[in-house]
Amino acid sequence: MDCHGNQLTSINLSENTALTKLNCNENSLTSLDLSNNTALTKLDCYENQLRSLVLGENKVLTELDCHGNQLTSLDLSKNTALTKLDCHGNQLT
């Protein structure tokens, strides 16, 4: 699914459980809960205003680009297949 650059302030994908790729970068999202999207393998959510990103126990996610947001924490402990990660430009400690 590609919805980048649309000035979105929210998006609910909880019922889209078969979603494998999401490109929602360059919007105005402040939170993103993808805990129900356990088939997701690639996520591009960079250049939003994300303060919260919930990925849940997604064990097939391999690529995540969440750079340029306002994240102060990011729990990837259950995302064991992750091979590519870009999270620069956040407020992670």
N, C-alpha and C. Protein backbone atom coordinates (compact mmCIF):
# COMPACT_ATOMS: atom_id res chain seq x y z
N MET A 1 0.85 -1.17 0.00
CA MET A 1 0.00 0.00 0.00
C MET A 1 0.89 1.24 0.00
N ASP A 2 0.59 2.15 -0.86
CA ASP A 2 1.37 3.38 -0.96
C ASP A 2 0.44 4.57 -0.76
N CYS A 3 0.64 5.29 0.33
CA CYS A 3 -0.16 6.49 0.62
C CYS A 3 0.75 7.64 1.04
N HIS A 4 1.95 7.68 0.51
CA HIS A 4 2.91 8.71 0.91
C HIS A 4 2.52 10.08 0.34
N GLY A 5 2.92 11.12 1.07
CA GLY A 5 2.76 12.49 0.60
C GLY A 5 1.33 12.98 0.49
N ASN A 6 0.46 12.55 1.39
CA ASN A 6 -0.95 12.93 1.31
C ASN A 6 -1.44 13.77 2.49
N GLN A 7 -0.55 14.24 3.34
CA GLN A 7 -0.90 15.04 4.51
C GLN A 7 -1.84 14.31 5.46
N LEU A 8 -1.75 12.98 5.51
CA LEU A 8 -2.58 12.19 6.43
C LEU A 8 -2.19 12.49 7.87
N THR A 9 -3.19 12.62 8.73
CA THR A 9 -2.93 12.81 10.16
C THR A 9 -3.20 11.54 10.94
N SER A 10 -3.92 10.60 10.35
CA SER A 10 -4.15 9.30 11.00
C SER A 10 -4.45 8.26 9.93
N ILE A 11 -4.22 7.02 10.30
CA ILE A 11 -4.49 5.89 9.41
C ILE A 11 -4.77 4.67 10.27
N ASN A 12 -5.85 3.95 9.96
CA ASN A 12 -6.21 2.75 10.71
C ASN A 12 -6.13 1.56 9.77
N LEU A 13 -5.16 0.71 10.01
CA LEU A 13 -4.95 -0.47 9.17
C LEU A 13 -5.15 -1.76 9.96
N SER A 14 -5.83 -1.68 11.09
CA SER A 14 -5.97 -2.83 11.98
C SER A 14 -6.71 -4.00 11.33
N GLU A 15 -7.56 -3.73 10.36
CA GLU A 15 -8.30 -4.80 9.69
C GLU A 15 -7.57 -5.32 8.45
N ASN A 16 -6.48 -4.68 8.07
CA ASN A 16 -5.73 -5.08 6.87
C ASN A 16 -4.61 -6.04 7.26
N THR A 17 -4.98 -7.18 7.79
CA THR A 17 -4.01 -8.12 8.36
C THR A 17 -3.13 -8.81 7.32
N ALA A 18 -3.51 -8.79 6.05
CA ALA A 18 -2.71 -9.42 5.00
C ALA A 18 -1.72 -8.45 4.35
N LEU A 19 -1.71 -7.21 4.80
CA LEU A 19 -0.83 -6.19 4.24
C LEU A 19 0.64 -6.60 4.41
N THR A 20 1.41 -6.57 3.32
CA THR A 20 2.81 -6.97 3.39
C THR A 20 3.78 -5.79 3.27
N LYS A 21 3.37 -4.72 2.58
CA LYS A 21 4.23 -3.54 2.44
C LYS A 21 3.42 -2.28 2.66
N LEU A 22 4.01 -1.33 3.37
CA LEU A 22 3.35 -0.05 3.63
C LEU A 22 4.34 1.08 3.43
N ASN A 23 3.95 2.04 2.60
CA ASN A 23 4.73 3.25 2.37
C ASN A 23 3.82 4.42 2.73
N CYS A 24 3.98 4.93 3.95
CA CYS A 24 3.16 6.06 4.41
C CYS A 24 4.05 7.23 4.81
N ASN A 25 5.20 7.34 4.18
CA ASN A 25 6.13 8.41 4.51
C ASN A 25 5.62 9.76 4.02
N GLU A 26 6.20 10.82 4.56
CA GLU A 26 5.92 12.21 4.18
C GLU A 26 4.45 12.58 4.33
N ASN A 27 3.89 12.24 5.49
CA ASN A 27 2.55 12.65 5.87
C ASN A 27 2.67 13.43 7.18
N SER A 28 1.60 13.52 7.93
CA SER A 28 1.61 14.21 9.23
C SER A 28 1.13 13.28 10.33
N LEU A 29 1.49 12.01 10.23
CA LEU A 29 1.07 11.02 11.22
C LEU A 29 1.81 11.24 12.53
N THR A 30 1.09 11.14 13.65
CA THR A 30 1.71 11.27 14.97
C THR A 30 1.81 9.92 15.68
N SER A 31 0.99 8.96 15.26
CA SER A 31 1.07 7.61 15.83
C SER A 31 0.72 6.60 14.75
N LEU A 32 1.28 5.41 14.91
CA LEU A 32 1.05 4.34 13.95
C LEU A 32 1.09 3.02 14.71
N ASP A 33 -0.06 2.33 14.73
CA ASP A 33 -0.16 1.04 15.41
C ASP A 33 -0.35 -0.04 14.36
N LEU A 34 0.67 -0.85 14.19
CA LEU A 34 0.64 -1.92 13.20
C LEU A 34 0.73 -3.29 13.88
N SER A 35 0.31 -3.36 15.12
CA SER A 35 0.41 -4.61 15.88
C SER A 35 -0.46 -5.72 15.31
N ASN A 36 -1.52 -5.40 14.58
CA ASN A 36 -2.36 -6.42 13.95
C ASN A 36 -1.86 -6.82 12.57
N ASN A 37 -0.90 -6.10 12.05
CA ASN A 37 -0.42 -6.33 10.68
C ASN A 37 0.80 -7.26 10.70
N THR A 38 0.57 -8.49 11.08
CA THR A 38 1.66 -9.44 11.31
C THR A 38 2.27 -10.00 10.02
N ALA A 39 1.70 -9.68 8.86
CA ALA A 39 2.28 -10.13 7.58
C ALA A 39 3.19 -9.06 6.97
N LEU A 40 3.30 -7.92 7.62
CA LEU A 40 4.07 -6.80 7.10
C LEU A 40 5.56 -7.15 7.03
N THR A 41 6.15 -7.02 5.85
CA THR A 41 7.58 -7.31 5.68
C THR A 41 8.41 -6.04 5.48
N LYS A 42 7.79 -4.98 4.96
CA LYS A 42 8.52 -3.73 4.71
C LYS A 42 7.66 -2.54 5.13
N LEU A 43 8.26 -1.63 5.90
CA LEU A 43 7.56 -0.44 6.36
C LEU A 43 8.42 0.79 6.14
N ASP A 44 7.90 1.74 5.38
CA ASP A 44 8.50 3.06 5.22
C ASP A 44 7.54 4.07 5.82
N CYS A 45 7.91 4.63 6.96
CA CYS A 45 7.06 5.62 7.63
C CYS A 45 7.88 6.85 8.00
N TYR A 46 8.88 7.14 7.22
CA TYR A 46 9.80 8.24 7.51
C TYR A 46 9.18 9.60 7.19
N GLU A 47 9.78 10.64 7.79
CA GLU A 47 9.37 12.03 7.58
C GLU A 47 7.89 12.27 7.87
N ASN A 48 7.45 11.80 9.03
CA ASN A 48 6.14 12.12 9.58
C ASN A 48 6.40 12.90 10.87
N GLN A 49 5.47 12.85 11.78
CA GLN A 49 5.64 13.45 13.10
C GLN A 49 5.39 12.40 14.16
N LEU A 50 5.78 11.16 13.87
CA LEU A 50 5.49 10.03 14.74
C LEU A 50 6.13 10.19 16.11
N ARG A 51 5.30 10.08 17.13
CA ARG A 51 5.77 10.00 18.51
C ARG A 51 5.59 8.58 19.04
N SER A 52 4.75 7.79 18.33
CA SER A 52 4.48 6.42 18.74
C SER A 52 4.44 5.52 17.51
N LEU A 53 5.22 4.45 17.56
CA LEU A 53 5.22 3.44 16.51
C LEU A 53 5.16 2.07 17.18
N VAL A 54 4.05 1.37 16.99
CA VAL A 54 3.83 0.08 17.62
C VAL A 54 3.83 -1.00 16.54
N LEU A 55 4.79 -1.90 16.64
CA LEU A 55 4.91 -2.97 15.65
C LEU A 55 4.47 -4.32 16.18
N GLY A 56 4.30 -4.44 17.48
CA GLY A 56 3.84 -5.70 18.07
C GLY A 56 4.83 -6.83 17.85
N GLU A 57 4.28 -8.03 17.71
CA GLU A 57 5.11 -9.22 17.55
C GLU A 57 5.21 -9.63 16.09
N ASN A 58 5.56 -8.69 15.25
CA ASN A 58 5.70 -8.97 13.83
C ASN A 58 7.03 -9.66 13.59
N LYS A 59 6.98 -10.96 13.34
CA LYS A 59 8.20 -11.76 13.20
C LYS A 59 8.68 -11.87 11.75
N VAL A 60 7.98 -11.23 10.79
CA VAL A 60 8.41 -11.30 9.39
C VAL A 60 8.88 -9.95 8.84
N LEU A 61 8.79 -8.90 9.65
CA LEU A 61 9.25 -7.58 9.22
C LEU A 61 10.76 -7.61 9.00
N THR A 62 11.19 -7.29 7.78
CA THR A 62 12.62 -7.32 7.47
C THR A 62 13.20 -5.92 7.25
N GLU A 63 12.37 -4.96 6.84
CA GLU A 63 12.87 -3.61 6.56
C GLU A 63 12.00 -2.55 7.23
N LEU A 64 12.66 -1.64 7.94
CA LEU A 64 11.98 -0.54 8.61
C LEU A 64 12.76 0.75 8.41
N ASP A 65 12.09 1.75 7.85
CA ASP A 65 12.68 3.08 7.72
C ASP A 65 11.73 4.06 8.40
N CYS A 66 12.13 4.52 9.57
CA CYS A 66 11.30 5.45 10.34
C CYS A 66 12.08 6.72 10.67
N HIS A 67 13.02 7.10 9.83
CA HIS A 67 13.85 8.27 10.11
C HIS A 67 13.03 9.57 10.00
N GLY A 68 13.51 10.60 10.67
CA GLY A 68 12.90 11.92 10.57
C GLY A 68 11.55 12.04 11.25
N ASN A 69 11.40 11.41 12.40
CA ASN A 69 10.17 11.51 13.19
C ASN A 69 10.51 12.08 14.56
N GLN A 70 9.62 11.91 15.51
CA GLN A 70 9.82 12.42 16.87
C GLN A 70 9.80 11.29 17.88
N LEU A 71 10.24 10.11 17.47
CA LEU A 71 10.23 8.95 18.35
C LEU A 71 11.25 9.10 19.47
N THR A 72 10.83 8.81 20.69
CA THR A 72 11.75 8.81 21.83
C THR A 72 12.09 7.40 22.26
N SER A 73 11.31 6.42 21.80
CA SER A 73 11.59 5.01 22.08
C SER A 73 11.08 4.17 20.92
N LEU A 74 11.66 2.99 20.78
CA LEU A 74 11.29 2.09 19.69
C LEU A 74 11.59 0.67 20.14
N ASP A 75 10.54 -0.13 20.34
CA ASP A 75 10.70 -1.50 20.80
C ASP A 75 10.69 -2.44 19.60
N LEU A 76 11.84 -3.00 19.31
CA LEU A 76 11.98 -3.93 18.19
C LEU A 76 12.34 -5.33 18.68
N SER A 77 12.15 -5.58 19.96
CA SER A 77 12.57 -6.85 20.56
C SER A 77 11.85 -8.06 20.00
N LYS A 78 10.66 -7.90 19.48
CA LYS A 78 9.90 -9.02 18.92
C LYS A 78 10.02 -9.11 17.40
N ASN A 79 10.71 -8.16 16.80
CA ASN A 79 10.85 -8.11 15.34
C ASN A 79 12.16 -8.79 14.94
N THR A 80 12.19 -10.09 15.09
CA THR A 80 13.43 -10.86 15.00
C THR A 80 13.96 -11.06 13.57
N ALA A 81 13.16 -10.78 12.55
CA ALA A 81 13.61 -10.95 11.16
C ALA A 81 14.20 -9.67 10.57
N LEU A 82 14.21 -8.61 11.34
CA LEU A 82 14.65 -7.30 10.85
C LEU A 82 16.11 -7.34 10.38
N THR A 83 16.33 -6.96 9.13
CA THR A 83 17.69 -6.94 8.58
C THR A 83 18.12 -5.54 8.14
N LYS A 84 17.16 -4.64 7.95
CA LYS A 84 17.47 -3.27 7.52
C LYS A 84 16.69 -2.30 8.40
N LEU A 85 17.41 -1.35 9.01
CA LEU A 85 16.80 -0.39 9.92
C LEU A 85 17.42 0.98 9.72
N ASP A 86 16.57 2.00 9.53
CA ASP A 86 17.03 3.39 9.46
C ASP A 86 16.12 4.20 10.37
N CYS A 87 16.66 4.66 11.48
CA CYS A 87 15.86 5.43 12.43
C CYS A 87 16.57 6.71 12.85
N HIS A 88 17.46 7.23 12.01
CA HIS A 88 18.16 8.47 12.35
C HIS A 88 17.19 9.65 12.33
N GLY A 89 17.57 10.71 12.99
CA GLY A 89 16.74 11.92 13.00
C GLY A 89 15.52 11.82 13.89
N ASN A 90 15.60 10.99 14.92
CA ASN A 90 14.55 10.90 15.93
C ASN A 90 15.14 11.39 17.25
N GLN A 91 14.42 11.18 18.32
CA GLN A 91 14.89 11.59 19.64
C GLN A 91 15.13 10.36 20.51
N LEU A 92 15.63 9.30 19.90
CA LEU A 92 15.88 8.05 20.60
C LEU A 92 17.07 8.19 21.53
N THR A 93 16.95 7.58 22.70
CA THR A 93 18.06 7.62 23.67
C THR A 93 18.55 6.23 23.96
